[in-house]
Amino acid sequence: MSYPNQPYPPQPQPPNNSNTLSIVGIVLGCVALIFCPPLFGIAGIICGAIAKSKGERLAMAGILVPAAGLVLGMVLGFVVFQGMYNV
C-alpha cells in the first residue's frame, strides 16, 4: 500500500573529508610510545575506531599507529625499568 506525500528515503552519508579523529589517534599513539602506553594507546585506538566508523581516509593509520605505540611503549617501559633495577 502506498501513502501519498511521503518523503524520499534517506540518502547514505558521503565519506567524511575531515581526518580529525584519525590525526588525534595518531598523535595519541606517538605519545603512548613515551608516556603511559595503556592510557594513550587505548585512547588512540578508540579514536581510530570511531574515525573508521565515520569513514575517515586516515582511519587505518589512526588504528595501527596507536596499537604499535601501545606495544612498543610497553616493551620500552619494561626494558627501561629492568635496566634501572638490574632484575
C-alpha atoms as a PDB file:
ATOM      1  CA  MET A   1       0.000   0.000   0.000  1.00  0.00           C
ATOM      2  CA  SER A   2       1.381   3.385  -0.941  1.00  0.00           C
ATOM      3  CA  TYR A   3       0.850   6.571   1.027  1.00  0.00           C
ATOM      4  CA  PRO A   4       0.831   9.938  -0.743  1.00  0.00           C
ATOM      5  CA  ASN A   5       3.200  12.745   0.174  1.00  0.00           C
ATOM      6  CA  GLN A   6       5.845  10.524   1.763  1.00  0.00           C
ATOM      7  CA  PRO A   7       9.370  11.975   1.934  1.00  0.00           C
ATOM      8  CA  TYR A   8      12.181  10.422  -0.026  1.00  0.00           C
ATOM      9  CA  PRO A   9      14.183   7.685   1.711  1.00  0.00           C
ATOM     10  CA  PRO A  10      17.284   8.951   3.487  1.00  0.00           C
ATOM     11  CA  GLN A  11      20.409   9.113   1.345  1.00  0.00           C
ATOM     12  CA  PRO A  12      23.628   7.473   2.550  1.00  0.00           C
ATOM     13  CA  GLN A  13      26.118   9.844   4.120  1.00  0.00           C
ATOM     14  CA  PRO A  14      29.096  10.742   1.917  1.00  0.00           C
ATOM     15  CA  PRO A  15      32.535   9.844   3.267  1.00  0.00           C
ATOM     16  CA  ASN A  16      33.907  12.316   5.771  1.00  0.00           C
ATOM     17  CA  ASN A  17      36.577  14.623   4.321  1.00  0.00           C
ATOM     18  CA  SER A  18      37.801  15.501   7.798  1.00  0.00           C
ATOM     19  CA  ASN A  19      40.602  13.444   9.312  1.00  0.00           C
ATOM     20  CA  THR A  20      40.460  14.991  12.765  1.00  0.00           C
ATOM     21  CA  LEU A  21      39.851  11.838  14.811  1.00  0.00           C
ATOM     22  CA  SER A  22      42.409   9.905  12.773  1.00  0.00           C
ATOM     23  CA  ILE A  23      45.055  12.535  13.445  1.00  0.00           C
ATOM     24  CA  VAL A  24      44.153  12.626  17.147  1.00  0.00           C
ATOM     25  CA  GLY A  25      44.559   8.826  17.215  1.00  0.00           C
ATOM     26  CA  ILE A  26      47.955   9.028  15.501  1.00  0.00           C
ATOM     27  CA  VAL A  27      49.167  11.705  17.935  1.00  0.00           C
ATOM     28  CA  LEU A  28      47.947   9.674  20.912  1.00  0.00           C
ATOM     29  CA  GLY A  29      49.786   6.652  19.515  1.00  0.00           C
ATOM     30  CA  CYS A  30      53.016   8.636  19.318  1.00  0.00           C
ATOM     31  CA  VAL A  31      52.533   9.936  22.857  1.00  0.00           C
ATOM     32  CA  ALA A  32      51.848   6.358  24.026  1.00  0.00           C
ATOM     33  CA  LEU A  33      55.357   5.402  22.958  1.00  0.00           C
ATOM     34  CA  ILE A  34      56.811   7.587  25.730  1.00  0.00           C
ATOM     35  CA  PHE A  35      54.091   8.346  28.315  1.00  0.00           C
ATOM     36  CA  CYS A  36      51.641   5.873  29.860  1.00  0.00           C
ATOM     37  CA  PRO A  37      51.160   3.446  26.941  1.00  0.00           C
ATOM     38  CA  PRO A  38      47.985   1.774  28.253  1.00  0.00           C
ATOM     39  CA  LEU A  39      46.113   5.057  28.663  1.00  0.00           C
ATOM     40  CA  PHE A  40      47.180   6.870  25.495  1.00  0.00           C
ATOM     41  CA  GLY A  41      47.407   3.754  23.334  1.00  0.00           C
ATOM     42  CA  ILE A  42      43.886   2.598  24.118  1.00  0.00           C
ATOM     43  CA  ALA A  43      42.523   6.137  23.731  1.00  0.00           C
ATOM     44  CA  GLY A  44      44.218   6.371  20.324  1.00  0.00           C
ATOM     45  CA  ILE A  45      42.797   3.036  19.203  1.00  0.00           C
ATOM     46  CA  ILE A  46      39.311   4.167  20.253  1.00  0.00           C
ATOM     47  CA  CYS A  47      39.696   7.429  18.303  1.00  0.00           C
ATOM     48  CA  GLY A  48      40.865   5.455  15.263  1.00  0.00           C
ATOM     49  CA  ALA A  49      37.914   3.076  15.507  1.00  0.00           C
ATOM     50  CA  ILE A  50      35.457   5.971  15.710  1.00  0.00           C
ATOM     51  CA  ALA A  51      37.203   7.574  12.734  1.00  0.00           C
ATOM     52  CA  LYS A  52      36.809   4.331  10.779  1.00  0.00           C
ATOM     53  CA  SER A  53      33.108   4.223  11.555  1.00  0.00           C
ATOM     54  CA  LYS A  54      32.801   7.793  10.254  1.00  0.00           C
ATOM     55  CA  GLY A  55      34.640   6.877   7.047  1.00  0.00           C
ATOM     56  CA  GLU A  56      37.749   8.989   7.508  1.00  0.00           C
ATOM     57  CA  ARG A  57      40.518   8.429   4.991  1.00  0.00           C
ATOM     58  CA  LEU A  58      43.353   8.029   7.534  1.00  0.00           C
ATOM     59  CA  ALA A  59      41.382   5.759   9.863  1.00  0.00           C
ATOM     60  CA  MET A  60      43.586   2.669   9.421  1.00  0.00           C
ATOM     61  CA  ALA A  61      46.676   4.681  10.326  1.00  0.00           C
ATOM     62  CA  GLY A  62      44.673   6.021  13.269  1.00  0.00           C
ATOM     63  CA  ILE A  63      44.262   2.441  14.485  1.00  0.00           C
ATOM     64  CA  LEU A  64      47.659   0.943  13.612  1.00  0.00           C
ATOM     65  CA  VAL A  65      49.899   3.719  14.965  1.00  0.00           C
ATOM     66  CA  PRO A  66      48.328   3.706  18.467  1.00  0.00           C
ATOM     67  CA  ALA A  67      48.436  -0.107  18.527  1.00  0.00           C
ATOM     68  CA  ALA A  68      52.138  -0.026  17.669  1.00  0.00           C
ATOM     69  CA  GLY A  69      52.708   2.782  20.205  1.00  0.00           C
ATOM     70  CA  LEU A  70      50.953   0.720  22.861  1.00  0.00           C
ATOM     71  CA  VAL A  71      53.030  -2.394  22.236  1.00  0.00           C
ATOM     72  CA  LEU A  72      56.364  -0.627  21.728  1.00  0.00           C
ATOM     73  CA  GLY A  73      55.750   1.660  24.712  1.00  0.00           C
ATOM     74  CA  MET A  74      55.090  -1.331  26.953  1.00  0.00           C
ATOM     75  CA  VAL A  75      58.250  -3.069  25.700  1.00  0.00           C
ATOM     76  CA  LEU A  76      60.303   0.113  26.092  1.00  0.00           C
ATOM     77  CA  GLY A  77      58.981   0.628  29.612  1.00  0.00           C
ATOM     78  CA  PHE A  78      59.811  -2.965  30.520  1.00  0.00           C
ATOM     79  CA  VAL A  79      63.363  -2.640  29.185  1.00  0.00           C
ATOM     80  CA  VAL A  80      63.951   0.707  30.929  1.00  0.00           C
ATOM     81  CA  PHE A  81      62.658  -0.450  34.317  1.00  0.00           C
ATOM     82  CA  GLN A  82      64.506  -3.738  34.043  1.00  0.00           C
ATOM     83  CA  GLY A  83      67.724  -1.819  33.395  1.00  0.00           C
ATOM     84  CA  MET A  84      67.066   0.561  36.284  1.00  0.00           C
ATOM     85  CA  TYR A  85      66.588  -2.170  38.843  1.00  0.00           C
ATOM     86  CA  ASN A  86      69.010  -4.760  37.366  1.00  0.00           C
ATOM     87  CA  VAL A  87      66.465  -7.530  37.540  1.00  0.00           C
END
